Amino acid sequence: MTFYSPWPVGSPYYYSPEHVDYALKLTTGSIYIHTAGWREYNDFGPGTQDPHTLPDGTQSTVSYGCINTRISDGQWYYSRAPVGMTVVMSY
């Protein structure tokens, strides 16, 4: 699947088209659990949806609301989640 930015080039929210290997849609909107191969440093988990500093010192906001996973985790979820499965998320 390829995600395309709903924001135009030049918008601070714009992102280039991004291919993901595994994507599971969670809502009737555009919220997914999906792989994020472009993420460096294994930068996953709580707080990564907010602006934060990466280990190399750069600032990043690495999620627009989706739950990002490593490719191996996304493959595991994708292979075990039948259509219509209930998903419970907690923090």
PDB file of N, CA and C in Angstrom:
ATOM      1  N   MET A   1       0.854  -1.165   0.000  1.00  0.00           N
ATOM      2  CA  MET A   1       0.000   0.000   0.000  1.00  0.00           C
ATOM      3  C   MET A   1       0.899   1.226   0.000  1.00  0.00           C
ATOM      4  N   THR A   2       0.454   2.288  -0.648  1.00  0.00           N
ATOM      5  CA  THR A   2       1.175   3.547  -0.623  1.00  0.00           C
ATOM      6  C   THR A   2       0.283   4.615  -0.024  1.00  0.00           C
ATOM      7  N   PHE A   3       0.821   5.333   0.954  1.00  0.00           N
ATOM      8  CA  PHE A   3       0.113   6.451   1.569  1.00  0.00           C
ATOM      9  C   PHE A   3       0.499   7.726   0.842  1.00  0.00           C
ATOM     10  N   TYR A   4      -0.497   8.562   0.523  1.00  0.00           N
ATOM     11  CA  TYR A   4      -0.287   9.837  -0.145  1.00  0.00           C
ATOM     12  C   TYR A   4      -0.742  10.962   0.780  1.00  0.00           C
ATOM     13  N   SER A   5       0.045  12.002   0.863  1.00  0.00           N
ATOM     14  CA  SER A   5      -0.271  13.128   1.736  1.00  0.00           C
ATOM     15  C   SER A   5      -1.566  13.804   1.288  1.00  0.00           C
ATOM     16  N   PRO A   6      -2.481  14.067   2.230  1.00  0.00           N
ATOM     17  CA  PRO A   6      -3.669  14.841   1.881  1.00  0.00           C
ATOM     18  C   PRO A   6      -3.356  16.334   1.815  1.00  0.00           C
ATOM     19  N   TRP A   7      -2.128  16.725   2.256  1.00  0.00           N
ATOM     20  CA  TRP A   7      -1.718  18.116   2.261  1.00  0.00           C
ATOM     21  C   TRP A   7      -0.859  18.409   1.037  1.00  0.00           C
ATOM     22  N   PRO A   8      -0.937  19.611   0.505  1.00  0.00           N
ATOM     23  CA  PRO A   8      -0.164  19.941  -0.698  1.00  0.00           C
ATOM     24  C   PRO A   8       1.319  20.130  -0.396  1.00  0.00           C
ATOM     25  N   VAL A   9       2.134  19.975  -1.445  1.00  0.00           N
ATOM     26  CA  VAL A   9       3.566  20.263  -1.335  1.00  0.00           C
ATOM     27  C   VAL A   9       3.702  21.701  -0.831  1.00  0.00           C
ATOM     28  N   GLY A  10       4.591  21.909   0.101  1.00  0.00           N
ATOM     29  CA  GLY A  10       4.770  23.239   0.683  1.00  0.00           C
ATOM     30  C   GLY A  10       4.095  23.369   2.035  1.00  0.00           C
ATOM     31  N   SER A  11       3.118  22.503   2.316  1.00  0.00           N
ATOM     32  CA  SER A  11       2.478  22.498   3.626  1.00  0.00           C
ATOM     33  C   SER A  11       3.459  21.915   4.643  1.00  0.00           C
ATOM     34  N   PRO A  12       3.466  22.421   5.880  1.00  0.00           N
ATOM     35  CA  PRO A  12       4.355  21.825   6.883  1.00  0.00           C
ATOM     36  C   PRO A  12       3.971  20.384   7.214  1.00  0.00           C
ATOM     37  N   TYR A  13       2.787  19.961   6.815  1.00  0.00           N
ATOM     38  CA  TYR A  13       2.327  18.600   7.085  1.00  0.00           C
ATOM     39  C   TYR A  13       2.551  17.643   5.919  1.00  0.00           C
ATOM     40  N   TYR A  14       2.940  18.185   4.771  1.00  0.00           N
ATOM     41  CA  TYR A  14       3.129  17.347   3.585  1.00  0.00           C
ATOM     42  C   TYR A  14       4.185  16.274   3.826  1.00  0.00           C
ATOM     43  N   TYR A  15       3.951  15.102   3.257  1.00  0.00           N
ATOM     44  CA  TYR A  15       4.964  14.048   3.237  1.00  0.00           C
ATOM     45  C   TYR A  15       4.942  13.406   1.858  1.00  0.00           C
ATOM     46  N   SER A  16       6.094  12.914   1.445  1.00  0.00           N
ATOM     47  CA  SER A  16       6.188  12.272   0.138  1.00  0.00           C
ATOM     48  C   SER A  16       5.413  10.958   0.156  1.00  0.00           C
ATOM     49  N   PRO A  17       5.010  10.432  -1.001  1.00  0.00           N
ATOM     50  CA  PRO A  17       4.329   9.137  -1.018  1.00  0.00           C
ATOM     51  C   PRO A  17       5.192   8.083  -0.325  1.00  0.00           C
ATOM     52  N   GLU A  18       4.577   7.313   0.567  1.00  0.00           N
ATOM     53  CA  GLU A  18       5.309   6.321   1.355  1.00  0.00           C
ATOM     54  C   GLU A  18       4.689   4.945   1.178  1.00  0.00           C
ATOM     55  N   HIS A  19       5.501   4.000   0.730  1.00  0.00           N
ATOM     56  CA  HIS A  19       5.063   2.610   0.602  1.00  0.00           C
ATOM     57  C   HIS A  19       5.180   1.918   1.955  1.00  0.00           C
ATOM     58  N   VAL A  20       4.183   1.119   2.300  1.00  0.00           N
ATOM     59  CA  VAL A  20       4.262   0.275   3.492  1.00  0.00           C
ATOM     60  C   VAL A  20       3.978  -1.161   3.073  1.00  0.00           C
ATOM     61  N   ASP A  21       4.654  -2.088   3.710  1.00  0.00           N
ATOM     62  CA  ASP A  21       4.477  -3.501   3.363  1.00  0.00           C
ATOM     63  C   ASP A  21       3.220  -4.104   3.976  1.00  0.00           C
ATOM     64  N   TYR A  22       2.865  -3.665   5.176  1.00  0.00           N
ATOM     65  CA  TYR A  22       1.704  -4.231   5.875  1.00  0.00           C
ATOM     66  C   TYR A  22       0.909  -3.101   6.501  1.00  0.00           C
ATOM     67  N   ALA A  23      -0.404  -3.053   6.217  1.00  0.00           N
ATOM     68  CA  ALA A  23      -1.267  -2.018   6.773  1.00  0.00           C
ATOM     69  C   ALA A  23      -2.609  -2.637   7.144  1.00  0.00           C
ATOM     70  N   LEU A  24      -3.023  -2.411   8.378  1.00  0.00           N
ATOM     71  CA  LEU A  24      -4.317  -2.890   8.853  1.00  0.00           C
ATOM     72  C   LEU A  24      -5.145  -1.672   9.255  1.00  0.00           C
ATOM     73  N   LYS A  25      -6.252  -1.459   8.568  1.00  0.00           N
ATOM     74  CA  LYS A  25      -7.103  -0.291   8.834  1.00  0.00           C
ATOM     75  C   LYS A  25      -7.870  -0.509  10.123  1.00  0.00           C
ATOM     76  N   LEU A  26      -7.822   0.475  11.025  1.00  0.00           N
ATOM     77  CA  LEU A  26      -8.461   0.357  12.332  1.00  0.00           C
ATOM     78  C   LEU A  26      -9.793   1.076  12.428  1.00  0.00           C
ATOM     79  N   THR A  27      -9.953   2.133  11.628  1.00  0.00           N
ATOM     80  CA  THR A  27     -11.148   2.966  11.753  1.00  0.00           C
ATOM     81  C   THR A  27     -11.793   3.169  10.383  1.00  0.00           C
ATOM     82  N   THR A  28     -12.972   3.763  10.384  1.00  0.00           N
ATOM     83  CA  THR A  28     -13.601   4.094   9.113  1.00  0.00           C
ATOM     84  C   THR A  28     -12.917   5.294   8.477  1.00  0.00           C
ATOM     85  N   GLY A  29     -12.060   5.978   9.239  1.00  0.00           N
ATOM     86  CA  GLY A  29     -11.264   7.085   8.713  1.00  0.00           C
ATOM     87  C   GLY A  29      -9.960   6.552   8.153  1.00  0.00           C
ATOM     88  N   SER A  30      -8.897   7.194   8.496  1.00  0.00           N
ATOM     89  CA  SER A  30      -7.597   6.834   7.922  1.00  0.00           C
ATOM     90  C   SER A  30      -6.578   6.444   8.983  1.00  0.00           C
ATOM     91  N   ILE A  31      -6.999   5.743  10.004  1.00  0.00           N
ATOM     92  CA  ILE A  31      -6.077   5.310  11.047  1.00  0.00           C
ATOM     93  C   ILE A  31      -5.740   3.838  10.823  1.00  0.00           C
ATOM     94  N   TYR A  32      -4.447   3.554  10.755  1.00  0.00           N
ATOM     95  CA  TYR A  32      -3.949   2.208  10.479  1.00  0.00           C
ATOM     96  C   TYR A  32      -2.920   1.793  11.520  1.00  0.00           C
ATOM     97  N   ILE A  33      -2.717   0.501  11.646  1.00  0.00           N
ATOM     98  CA  ILE A  33      -1.469  -0.055  12.176  1.00  0.00           C
ATOM     99  C   ILE A  33      -0.690  -0.392  10.927  1.00  0.00           C
ATOM    100  N   HIS A  34       0.501   0.181  10.771  1.00  0.00           N
ATOM    101  CA  HIS A  34       1.261  -0.095   9.553  1.00  0.00           C
ATOM    102  C   HIS A  34       2.758  -0.056   9.798  1.00  0.00           C
ATOM    103  N   THR A  35       3.473  -0.747   8.935  1.00  0.00           N
ATOM    104  CA  THR A  35       4.925  -0.719   9.017  1.00  0.00           C
ATOM    105  C   THR A  35       5.430   0.660   8.619  1.00  0.00           C
ATOM    106  N   ALA A  36       6.603   0.992   9.122  1.00  0.00           N
ATOM    107  CA  ALA A  36       7.195   2.300   8.853  1.00  0.00           C
ATOM    108  C   ALA A  36       8.691   2.117   8.626  1.00  0.00           C
ATOM    109  N   GLY A  37       9.026   1.581   7.475  1.00  0.00           N
ATOM    110  CA  GLY A  37      10.408   1.298   7.165  1.00  0.00           C
ATOM    111  C   GLY A  37      11.282   2.530   7.059  1.00  0.00           C
ATOM    112  N   TRP A  38      10.703   3.720   6.912  1.00  0.00           N
ATOM    113  CA  TRP A  38      11.471   4.956   6.805  1.00  0.00           C
ATOM    114  C   TRP A  38      11.935   5.454   8.163  1.00  0.00           C
ATOM    115  N   ARG A  39      11.437   4.863   9.240  1.00  0.00           N
ATOM    116  CA  ARG A  39      11.799   5.347  10.569  1.00  0.00           C
ATOM    117  C   ARG A  39      13.155   4.800  10.975  1.00  0.00           C
ATOM    118  N   GLU A  40      14.026   5.690  11.322  1.00  0.00           N
ATOM    119  CA  GLU A  40      15.359   5.295  11.736  1.00  0.00           C
ATOM    120  C   GLU A  40      15.396   5.053  13.243  1.00  0.00           C
ATOM    121  N   TYR A  41      16.453   4.443  13.683  1.00  0.00           N
ATOM    122  CA  TYR A  41      16.780   4.296  15.101  1.00  0.00           C
ATOM    123  C   TYR A  41      15.763   3.457  15.879  1.00  0.00           C
ATOM    124  N   ASN A  42      14.931   2.679  15.192  1.00  0.00           N
ATOM    125  CA  ASN A  42      13.865   1.952  15.879  1.00  0.00           C
ATOM    126  C   ASN A  42      13.050   2.889  16.756  1.00  0.00           C
ATOM    127  N   ASP A  43      12.733   4.046  16.237  1.00  0.00           N
ATOM    128  CA  ASP A  43      12.049   5.117  16.956  1.00  0.00           C
ATOM    129  C   ASP A  43      10.547   4.854  16.982  1.00  0.00           C
ATOM    130  N   PHE A  44      10.132   3.980  17.888  1.00  0.00           N
ATOM    131  CA  PHE A  44       8.735   3.589  18.010  1.00  0.00           C
ATOM    132  C   PHE A  44       8.294   3.729  19.460  1.00  0.00           C
ATOM    133  N   GLY A  45       6.980   3.810  19.679  1.00  0.00           N
ATOM    134  CA  GLY A  45       6.459   3.767  21.039  1.00  0.00           C
ATOM    135  C   GLY A  45       5.845   5.075  21.486  1.00  0.00           C
ATOM    136  N   PRO A  46       5.447   5.134  22.775  1.00  0.00           N
ATOM    137  CA  PRO A  46       4.774   6.303  23.319  1.00  0.00           C
ATOM    138  C   PRO A  46       5.567   7.587  23.085  1.00  0.00           C
ATOM    139  N   GLY A  47       4.852   8.623  22.687  1.00  0.00           N
ATOM    140  CA  GLY A  47       5.458   9.928  22.487  1.00  0.00           C
ATOM    141  C   GLY A  47       5.969  10.186  21.093  1.00  0.00           C
ATOM    142  N   THR A  48       6.091   9.149  20.261  1.00  0.00           N
ATOM    143  CA  THR A  48       6.658   9.373  18.935  1.00  0.00           C
ATOM    144  C   THR A  48       5.677  10.067  17.996  1.00  0.00           C
ATOM    145  N   GLN A  49       4.418  10.229  18.411  1.00  0.00           N
ATOM    146  CA  GLN A  49       3.472  10.984  17.594  1.00  0.00           C
ATOM    147  C   GLN A  49       3.628  12.482  17.828  1.00  0.00           C
ATOM    148  N   ASP A  50       4.379  12.864  18.869  1.00  0.00           N
ATOM    149  CA  ASP A  50       4.588  14.263  19.217  1.00  0.00           C
ATOM    150  C   ASP A  50       5.957  14.727  18.719  1.00  0.00           C
ATOM    151  N   PRO A  51       6.133  16.023  18.508  1.00  0.00           N
ATOM    152  CA  PRO A  51       7.471  16.503  18.139  1.00  0.00           C
ATOM    153  C   PRO A  51       8.479  16.074  19.199  1.00  0.00           C
ATOM    154  N   HIS A  52       9.597  15.522  18.751  1.00  0.00           N
ATOM    155  CA  HIS A  52      10.623  15.064  19.679  1.00  0.00           C
ATOM    156  C   HIS A  52      11.978  15.044  18.982  1.00  0.00           C
ATOM    157  N   THR A  53      13.022  14.889  19.770  1.00  0.00           N
ATOM    158  CA  THR A  53      14.377  14.905  19.246  1.00  0.00           C
ATOM    159  C   THR A  53      14.853  13.482  19.006  1.00  0.00           C
ATOM    160  N   LEU A  54      15.315  13.213  17.791  1.00  0.00           N
ATOM    161  CA  LEU A  54      15.877  11.914  17.445  1.00  0.00           C
ATOM    162  C   LEU A  54      17.299  11.816  17.982  1.00  0.00           C
ATOM    163  N   PRO A  55      17.839  10.594  18.056  1.00  0.00           N
ATOM    164  CA  PRO A  55      19.200  10.438  18.574  1.00  0.00           C
ATOM    165  C   PRO A  55      20.258  11.260  17.838  1.00  0.00           C
ATOM    166  N   ASP A  56      20.024  11.586  16.561  1.00  0.00           N
ATOM    167  CA  ASP A  56      21.016  12.391  15.833  1.00  0.00           C
ATOM    168  C   ASP A  56      20.839  13.895  16.073  1.00  0.00           C
ATOM    169  N   GLY A  57      19.878  14.272  16.936  1.00  0.00           N
ATOM    170  CA  GLY A  57      19.669  15.673  17.287  1.00  0.00           C
ATOM    171  C   GLY A  57      18.630  16.394  16.463  1.00  0.00           C
ATOM    172  N   THR A  58      18.125  15.782  15.388  1.00  0.00           N
ATOM    173  CA  THR A  58      17.109  16.435  14.567  1.00  0.00           C
ATOM    174  C   THR A  58      15.743  16.311  15.221  1.00  0.00           C
ATOM    175  N   GLN A  59      14.856  17.234  14.865  1.00  0.00           N
ATOM    176  CA  GLN A  59      13.487  17.206  15.367  1.00  0.00           C
ATOM    177  C   GLN A  59      12.607  16.430  14.405  1.00  0.00           C
ATOM    178  N   SER A  60      11.636  15.701  14.943  1.00  0.00           N
ATOM    179  CA  SER A  60      10.766  14.899  14.090  1.00  0.00           C
ATOM    180  C   SER A  60       9.395  14.751  14.716  1.00  0.00           C
ATOM    181  N   THR A  61       8.396  14.653  13.884  1.00  0.00           N
ATOM    182  CA  THR A  61       7.073  14.180  14.278  1.00  0.00           C
ATOM    183  C   THR A  61       6.850  13.006  13.347  1.00  0.00           C
ATOM    184  N   VAL A  62       6.821  11.808  13.875  1.00  0.00           N
ATOM    185  CA  VAL A  62       6.868  10.646  12.990  1.00  0.00           C
ATOM    186  C   VAL A  62       5.545   9.918  12.833  1.00  0.00           C
ATOM    187  N   SER A  63       4.466  10.489  13.327  1.00  0.00           N
ATOM    188  CA  SER A  63       3.174   9.864  13.116  1.00  0.00           C
ATOM    189  C   SER A  63       2.099  10.928  12.969  1.00  0.00           C
ATOM    190  N   TYR A  64       1.160  10.674  12.080  1.00  0.00           N
ATOM    191  CA  TYR A  64       0.000  11.549  11.922  1.00  0.00           C
ATOM    192  C   TYR A  64      -1.220  10.943  12.591  1.00  0.00           C
ATOM    193  N   GLY A  65      -1.005   9.947  13.438  1.00  0.00           N
ATOM    194  CA  GLY A  65      -2.104   9.329  14.163  1.00  0.00           C
ATOM    195  C   GLY A  65      -2.127   7.821  14.049  1.00  0.00           C
ATOM    196  N   CYS A  66      -1.464   7.282  13.052  1.00  0.00           N
ATOM    197  CA  CYS A  66      -1.411   5.826  12.893  1.00  0.00           C
ATOM    198  C   CYS A  66      -0.483   5.211  13.937  1.00  0.00           C
ATOM    199  N   ILE A  67      -0.598   3.919  14.097  1.00  0.00           N
ATOM    200  CA  ILE A  67       0.310   3.174  14.957  1.00  0.00           C
ATOM    201  C   ILE A  67       1.360   2.557  14.048  1.00  0.00           C
ATOM    202  N   ASN A  68       2.599   2.993  14.185  1.00  0.00           N
ATOM    203  CA  ASN A  68       3.684   2.509  13.342  1.00  0.00           C
ATOM    204  C   ASN A  68       4.359   1.313  13.984  1.00  0.00           C
ATOM    205  N   THR A  69       4.786   0.368  13.155  1.00  0.00           N
ATOM    206  CA  THR A  69       5.466  -0.825  13.656  1.00  0.00           C
ATOM    207  C   THR A  69       6.726  -1.103  12.842  1.00  0.00           C
ATOM    208  N   ARG A  70       7.590  -1.893  13.427  1.00  0.00           N
ATOM    209  CA  ARG A  70       8.716  -2.439  12.682  1.00  0.00           C
ATOM    210  C   ARG A  70       8.149  -3.388  11.631  1.00  0.00           C
ATOM    211  N   ILE A  71       8.888  -3.659  10.565  1.00  0.00           N
ATOM    212  CA  ILE A  71       8.384  -4.531   9.504  1.00  0.00           C
ATOM    213  C   ILE A  71       8.076  -5.922  10.035  1.00  0.00           C
ATOM    214  N   SER A  72       8.933  -6.476  10.882  1.00  0.00           N
ATOM    215  CA  SER A  72       8.691  -7.830  11.414  1.00  0.00           C
ATOM    216  C   SER A  72       7.415  -7.877  12.252  1.00  0.00           C
ATOM    217  N   ASP A  73       7.151  -6.833  13.036  1.00  0.00           N
ATOM    218  CA  ASP A  73       5.919  -6.800  13.839  1.00  0.00           C
ATOM    219  C   ASP A  73       4.691  -6.633  12.953  1.00  0.00           C
ATOM    220  N   GLY A  74       4.788  -5.768  11.945  1.00  0.00           N
ATOM    221  CA  GLY A  74       3.667  -5.566  11.031  1.00  0.00           C
ATOM    222  C   GLY A  74       3.304  -6.842  10.291  1.00  0.00           C
ATOM    223  N   GLN A  75       4.304  -7.589   9.889  1.00  0.00           N
ATOM    224  CA  GLN A  75       4.064  -8.868   9.217  1.00  0.00           C
ATOM    225  C   GLN A  75       3.344  -9.830  10.158  1.00  0.00           C
ATOM    226  N   TRP A  76       3.754  -9.859  11.413  1.00  0.00           N
ATOM    227  CA  TRP A  76       3.134 -10.743  12.405  1.00  0.00           C
ATOM    228  C   TRP A  76       1.659 -10.365  12.597  1.00  0.00           C
ATOM    229  N   TYR A  77       1.375  -9.066  12.802  1.00  0.00           N
ATOM    230  CA  TYR A  77      -0.013  -8.626  12.977  1.00  0.00           C
ATOM    231  C   TYR A  77      -0.849  -8.957  11.746  1.00  0.00           C
ATOM    232  N   TYR A  78      -0.323  -8.627  10.580  1.00  0.00           N
ATOM    233  CA  TYR A  78      -1.042  -8.804   9.322  1.00  0.00           C
ATOM    234  C   TYR A  78      -1.407 -10.264   9.085  1.00  0.00           C
ATOM    235  N   SER A  79      -0.514 -11.168   9.454  1.00  0.00           N
ATOM    236  CA  SER A  79      -0.765 -12.594   9.215  1.00  0.00           C
ATOM    237  C   SER A  79      -1.754 -13.196  10.213  1.00  0.00           C
ATOM    238  N   ARG A  80      -2.064 -12.474  11.272  1.00  0.00           N
ATOM    239  CA  ARG A  80      -2.920 -13.029  12.324  1.00  0.00           C
ATOM    240  C   ARG A  80      -4.222 -12.266  12.556  1.00  0.00           C
ATOM    241  N   ALA A  81      -4.468 -11.227  11.795  1.00  0.00           N
ATOM    242  CA  ALA A  81      -5.642 -10.390  12.031  1.00  0.00           C
ATOM    243  C   ALA A  81      -6.684 -10.598  10.936  1.00  0.00           C
ATOM    244  N   PRO A  82      -7.720 -11.385  11.214  1.00  0.00           N
ATOM    245  CA  PRO A  82      -8.767 -11.555  10.209  1.00  0.00           C
ATOM    246  C   PRO A  82      -9.611 -10.285  10.082  1.00  0.00           C
ATOM    247  N   VAL A  83     -10.241 -10.106   8.940  1.00  0.00           N
ATOM    248  CA  VAL A  83     -11.128  -8.965   8.722  1.00  0.00           C
ATOM    249  C   VAL A  83     -12.221  -8.986   9.785  1.00  0.00           C
ATOM    250  N   GLY A  84     -12.469  -7.841  10.400  1.00  0.00           N
ATOM    251  CA  GLY A  84     -13.506  -7.724  11.419  1.00  0.00           C
ATOM    252  C   GLY A  84     -13.032  -7.997  12.830  1.00  0.00           C
ATOM    253  N   MET A  85     -11.776  -8.341  13.002  1.00  0.00           N
ATOM    254  CA  MET A  85     -11.240  -8.626  14.323  1.00  0.00           C
ATOM    255  C   MET A  85     -11.336  -7.395  15.224  1.00  0.00           C
ATOM    256  N   THR A  86     -11.689  -7.593  16.475  1.00  0.00           N
ATOM    257  CA  THR A  86     -11.734  -6.510  17.441  1.00  0.00           C
ATOM    258  C   THR A  86     -10.312  -6.184  17.883  1.00  0.00           C
ATOM    259  N   VAL A  87      -9.992  -4.902  17.906  1.00  0.00           N
ATOM    260  CA  VAL A  87      -8.679  -4.449  18.358  1.00  0.00           C
ATOM    261  C   VAL A  87      -8.882  -3.586  19.592  1.00  0.00           C
ATOM    262  N   VAL A  88      -8.188  -3.916  20.660  1.00  0.00           N
ATOM    263  CA  VAL A  88      -8.243  -3.131  21.899  1.00  0.00           C
ATOM    264  C   VAL A  88      -6.870  -2.525  22.116  1.00  0.00           C
ATOM    265  N   MET A  89      -6.814  -1.209  22.225  1.00  0.00           N
ATOM    266  CA  MET A  89      -5.535  -0.526  22.441  1.00  0.00           C
ATOM    267  C   MET A  89      -5.552   0.080  23.831  1.00  0.00           C
ATOM    268  N   SER A  90      -4.426  -0.023  24.505  1.00  0.00           N
ATOM    269  CA  SER A  90      -4.320   0.595  25.816  1.00  0.00           C
ATOM    270  C   SER A  90      -2.940   1.195  25.968  1.00  0.00           C
ATOM    271  N   TYR A  91      -2.819   2.060  26.933  1.00  0.00           N
ATOM    272  CA  TYR A  91      -1.531   2.737  27.135  1.00  0.00           C
ATOM    273  C   TYR A  91      -1.071   2.505  28.537  1.00  0.00           C
TER     274      TYR A  91
END
